[in-house]
Every structure is written in C-alpha cells, then in structure tokens.
Amino acid sequence: MRQSINTSTTLTTPNRQELINYLRRAHHRRKKKGVGRKERKTKIPNRIPIEIRPPVVDNRSRFGDWEGDTMVSRKSSAALNSLVERKSRLLLLTKLKRKGALENTQTVLNRFAPFPKTALCTLTLDNGTENVLHQEISRVNGIQCYFCHPYSAWERGSVENIQGLVRWYLPKGTDFSKITEEQITWIESRINHRPKKCLGFKTPLEVATHSVALRS
C-alpha cells in the first residue's frame, strides 16, 4: 500500500541575521557614529570639500580620479595605505610602519610616481590626521585633493569596496606588522587581476593598461 506524503511539514525560513553569514561580505547593520559622544575634529589646512569636486568624477568616464584610505590594525601601529582609481578600480596597496602624516604622504607620492600627470586628476580622502599634508601631494603631482564629510564612507565607495576584498586575505584582527611586502604585493595583484562585471568582465589592470601607459 502506497504511503501518503505528509504535507503538513512546516519549512522554516532563515531570518535576516542568519542569512548575513552566507554573504561574501558578512556585514551586520552599521551603527551610527558620532551620536551621543563628542566628535574629534581634525584640522586639515586648506581642506576642499567634496561638494566642489568636478561632476566628471562621479560618472567614471576618465582615468585619473582616485580615492584613498588607510586600514589599521589593533594589534600594532602598522597600517595599510589603499589607493583606488575610480574608472578601472585599480588598487595600489602599500604597507605603512605607522599611520602617520609623513609616512602616508611619502607612500602616496611613491605610488603615484610611475603615472603621468594626466592620470592624476583628483584624490578623494577622509578627514584623518594622516592626510594633513595633502598640499604636498598636490604640489608634487598636480593632483587636486578633496575631502569627504565625517563618517560618510559611502562618499569613497570605490576604495571602501576594494578594501572589503582586501579583508578576505587580511581579516580584522590581523597584525599588519607580521605581513610581508611580498604578501601585500600578492594581494594587490590578485585583486587587480580579478574580472569585474562593472568593467565588462575585464580586470582592473586591463582597463588601467588601456587607459594609461605607466612609466617604468
């Protein structure tokens, strides 16, 4: 005699909190910052707000508009400087011994050195103390620096997104002082050789190579 199938079984749907853990970037809801506590204000000389940034930067139609940020480690004073070009999503990732203005500025100058001036149009930064020497970057490279509003990471969405990829390899809690230069170079290469749907499944390096000829 054929057994009947029990159709009364109830399927439980996972809640939102459970599903988050299956995402590639398992972010939980962000907490609002700067609420209920005093905000530290960094005085950046001749700071130019993002509102004045040319509209052409928003549509990613040209190569040469960059975003910068610094990734820190709770385990040591070592940090990572991240520079991302908006059109190609090209990443320049560099280890810093410490998150300081001099170290950060010299790193940006070194990483931008192989690029022609036509590939250095704008650089969008946050209001961290490591960016107080932005005028030196502008003086050397002719690039114009702009600054986001405090606690507005979405205004530098490109570098924030790429740093999420970096966190695959260096999750939060990693001691950056123990990461070698070779490992940083390998991570940068892996991300720059990763095809992206937004680039027509080309890699950031392919788009960058077609956009500019780098100096050796």
Protein backbone atom coordinates (compact mmCIF):
# COMPACT_ATOMS: atom_id res chain seq x y z
CA MET A 1 0.00 0.00 0.00
CA ARG A 2 1.43 3.36 -1.07
CA GLN A 3 2.36 5.63 1.82
CA SER A 4 0.94 9.11 1.78
CA ILE A 5 3.29 12.09 1.85
CA ASN A 6 2.95 14.32 4.87
CA THR A 7 2.37 17.80 3.50
CA SER A 8 1.90 19.39 6.89
CA THR A 9 5.62 19.83 7.50
CA THR A 10 6.43 23.49 8.01
CA LEU A 11 9.57 24.83 6.33
CA THR A 12 11.30 27.43 8.44
CA THR A 13 12.73 30.42 6.62
CA PRO A 14 16.09 31.64 7.97
CA ASN A 15 15.91 35.10 9.41
CA ARG A 16 17.94 38.03 8.16
CA GLN A 17 20.64 37.62 10.80
CA GLU A 18 21.30 34.00 9.73
CA LEU A 19 21.42 34.86 6.03
CA ILE A 20 24.01 37.59 6.59
CA ASN A 21 26.60 34.96 7.47
CA TYR A 22 26.31 33.44 3.97
CA LEU A 23 27.13 36.70 2.17
CA ARG A 24 30.60 37.16 0.72
CA ARG A 25 30.97 40.20 2.93
CA ALA A 26 29.00 39.29 6.04
CA HIS A 27 28.32 42.82 7.22
CA HIS A 28 25.91 43.42 10.03
CA ARG A 29 23.91 46.61 10.33
CA ARG A 30 26.22 49.57 10.73
CA LYS A 31 25.93 51.64 13.87
CA LYS A 32 25.66 55.38 13.56
CA LYS A 33 28.88 57.07 14.54
CA GLY A 34 29.27 60.39 16.23
CA VAL A 35 25.95 60.14 18.04
CA GLY A 36 25.91 60.63 21.79
CA ARG A 37 29.60 61.40 22.06
CA LYS A 38 31.96 64.19 21.24
CA GLU A 39 33.41 64.06 17.73
CA ARG A 40 37.09 64.72 17.31
CA LYS A 41 37.63 67.34 14.64
CA THR A 42 40.81 67.09 12.60
CA LYS A 43 42.08 70.43 11.39
CA ILE A 44 43.21 69.98 7.80
CA PRO A 45 44.72 73.11 6.26
CA ASN A 46 43.03 74.39 3.10
CA ARG A 47 40.63 71.47 3.09
CA ILE A 48 38.46 71.39 -0.06
CA PRO A 49 35.05 69.74 0.48
CA ILE A 50 33.73 67.06 -1.84
CA GLU A 51 30.86 69.31 -2.96
CA ILE A 52 33.33 71.29 -5.07
CA ARG A 53 34.72 68.19 -6.78
CA PRO A 54 34.10 68.26 -10.57
CA PRO A 55 30.95 66.36 -11.67
CA VAL A 56 33.01 64.36 -14.17
CA VAL A 57 34.44 62.39 -11.26
CA ASP A 58 31.04 60.89 -10.49
CA ASN A 59 30.45 59.25 -13.88
CA ARG A 60 33.83 57.46 -14.02
CA SER A 61 34.33 58.48 -17.65
CA ARG A 62 38.03 59.30 -17.35
CA PHE A 63 41.08 57.65 -15.82
CA GLY A 64 42.76 59.61 -13.07
CA ASP A 65 40.23 60.12 -10.31
CA TRP A 66 41.43 58.35 -7.17
CA GLU A 67 40.15 57.57 -3.69
CA GLY A 68 42.42 56.98 -0.71
CA ASP A 69 42.06 55.40 2.70
CA THR A 70 44.10 53.81 5.48
CA MET A 71 43.46 50.39 7.01
CA VAL A 72 44.61 49.99 10.60
CA SER A 73 45.42 47.06 12.85
CA ARG A 74 44.52 46.82 16.53
CA LYS A 75 47.47 44.53 17.09
CA SER A 76 50.21 47.02 16.12
CA SER A 77 50.91 50.50 14.80
CA ALA A 78 51.41 49.15 11.27
CA ALA A 79 48.77 50.13 8.69
CA LEU A 80 47.94 49.78 5.01
CA ASN A 81 47.53 52.63 2.55
CA SER A 82 44.93 51.98 -0.16
CA LEU A 83 44.60 53.98 -3.36
CA VAL A 84 41.85 53.04 -5.83
CA GLU A 85 41.26 54.57 -9.27
CA ARG A 86 37.54 55.08 -9.83
CA LYS A 87 37.22 54.15 -13.52
CA SER A 88 39.35 51.00 -13.53
CA ARG A 89 39.09 50.07 -9.82
CA LEU A 90 42.87 49.63 -9.90
CA LEU A 91 44.28 49.09 -6.41
CA LEU A 92 47.60 50.35 -5.09
CA LEU A 93 48.17 48.71 -1.70
CA THR A 94 51.14 49.62 0.47
CA LYS A 95 52.24 48.70 3.98
CA LEU A 96 52.99 51.55 6.41
CA LYS A 97 55.12 51.13 9.53
CA ARG A 98 52.73 53.52 11.24
CA LYS A 99 49.69 55.62 10.39
CA GLY A 100 51.40 58.99 10.28
CA ALA A 101 51.13 62.00 8.01
CA LEU A 102 54.74 61.83 6.79
CA GLU A 103 54.63 58.08 6.12
CA ASN A 104 51.28 58.28 4.39
CA THR A 105 52.22 61.26 2.22
CA GLN A 106 55.52 59.73 1.09
CA THR A 107 53.76 56.47 0.25
CA VAL A 108 51.18 58.24 -1.92
CA LEU A 109 53.95 60.15 -3.72
CA ASN A 110 55.90 56.94 -4.34
CA ARG A 111 52.89 55.03 -5.66
CA PHE A 112 51.82 57.87 -7.94
CA ALA A 113 55.35 58.40 -9.31
CA PRO A 114 55.02 55.93 -12.26
CA PHE A 115 51.85 57.65 -13.51
CA PRO A 116 51.86 60.59 -15.93
CA LYS A 117 50.26 63.82 -14.71
CA THR A 118 47.27 63.19 -17.00
CA ALA A 119 46.43 60.11 -14.91
CA LEU A 120 46.41 62.10 -11.65
CA CYS A 121 43.38 64.36 -11.71
CA THR A 122 41.70 64.14 -8.30
CA LEU A 123 42.20 62.33 -4.99
CA THR A 124 39.29 62.00 -2.54
CA LEU A 125 40.25 61.44 1.10
CA ASP A 126 38.73 61.25 4.56
CA ASN A 127 39.48 63.62 7.43
CA GLY A 128 42.12 61.53 9.20
CA THR A 129 45.27 63.14 10.56
CA GLU A 130 47.35 61.14 8.07
CA ASN A 131 46.00 63.40 5.31
CA VAL A 132 47.02 66.79 6.73
CA LEU A 133 49.91 67.05 4.24
CA HIS A 134 47.65 66.74 1.21
CA GLN A 135 49.01 70.00 -0.20
CA GLU A 136 52.41 68.36 -0.67
CA ILE A 137 50.78 65.65 -2.79
CA SER A 138 49.08 68.33 -4.88
CA ARG A 139 52.32 70.31 -5.22
CA VAL A 140 54.35 67.35 -6.47
CA ASN A 141 51.78 65.68 -8.72
CA GLY A 142 49.41 68.48 -9.61
CA ILE A 143 46.54 66.35 -8.33
CA GLN A 144 43.66 68.10 -6.55
CA CYS A 145 42.62 66.64 -3.19
CA TYR A 146 39.03 66.70 -1.94
CA PHE A 147 37.65 65.66 1.44
CA CYS A 148 34.50 63.74 2.37
CA HIS A 149 32.15 64.58 5.19
CA PRO A 150 32.98 62.98 8.56
CA TYR A 151 31.60 59.44 8.95
CA SER A 152 30.49 59.32 5.29
CA ALA A 153 32.38 56.30 3.96
CA TRP A 154 29.94 55.93 1.05
CA GLU A 155 31.41 59.09 -0.48
CA ARG A 156 34.52 56.99 -1.14
CA GLY A 157 32.62 53.87 -2.16
CA SER A 158 35.25 52.54 -4.56
CA VAL A 159 38.06 52.28 -2.03
CA GLU A 160 35.69 51.00 0.66
CA ASN A 161 34.53 48.21 -1.64
CA ILE A 162 38.06 47.20 -2.63
CA GLN A 163 39.18 47.21 0.99
CA GLY A 164 36.41 44.71 1.61
CA LEU A 165 38.20 42.42 -0.85
CA VAL A 166 41.49 43.00 0.94
CA ARG A 167 39.80 41.83 4.14
CA TRP A 168 39.26 38.41 2.55
CA TYR A 169 43.00 37.95 2.79
CA LEU A 170 43.63 40.07 5.89
CA PRO A 171 40.56 39.80 8.14
CA LYS A 172 40.02 42.18 11.03
CA GLY A 173 42.32 41.31 13.88
CA THR A 174 45.29 40.68 11.58
CA ASP A 175 48.58 42.08 12.83
CA PHE A 176 49.81 44.05 9.81
CA SER A 177 53.33 44.22 11.23
CA LYS A 178 53.65 40.48 10.57
CA ILE A 179 52.54 40.77 6.91
CA THR A 180 55.45 40.88 4.47
CA GLU A 181 55.85 43.20 1.49
CA GLU A 182 55.66 40.15 -0.77
CA GLN A 183 52.27 39.21 0.68
CA ILE A 184 50.95 42.75 0.15
CA THR A 185 52.14 42.69 -3.46
CA TRP A 186 50.47 39.30 -3.98
CA ILE A 187 47.14 40.54 -2.59
CA GLU A 188 47.29 43.66 -4.76
CA SER A 189 47.99 41.54 -7.83
CA ARG A 190 45.17 39.09 -7.05
CA ILE A 191 42.62 41.89 -6.79
CA ASN A 192 43.88 43.74 -9.87
CA HIS A 193 43.66 40.53 -11.93
CA ARG A 194 40.11 39.77 -10.78
CA PRO A 195 37.49 40.30 -13.56
CA LYS A 196 34.62 42.60 -12.62
CA LYS A 197 31.10 42.70 -14.01
CA CYS A 198 31.08 46.51 -13.82
CA LEU A 199 34.12 46.51 -16.14
CA GLY A 200 32.54 44.20 -18.71
CA PHE A 201 34.33 41.29 -17.04
CA LYS A 202 37.71 42.87 -17.70
CA THR A 203 40.23 43.15 -14.90
CA PRO A 204 41.21 46.47 -13.29
CA LEU A 205 44.71 46.02 -14.69
CA GLU A 206 43.38 45.56 -18.23
CA VAL A 207 41.29 48.73 -18.03
CA ALA A 208 44.16 50.70 -16.50
CA THR A 209 46.64 49.48 -19.11
CA HIS A 210 44.37 50.62 -21.94
CA SER A 211 43.84 53.98 -20.25
CA VAL A 212 47.40 54.98 -19.45
CA ALA A 213 50.97 54.00 -20.22
CA LEU A 214 52.92 53.68 -16.97
CA ARG A 215 56.48 54.86 -16.69
CA SER A 216 58.99 52.24 -15.57
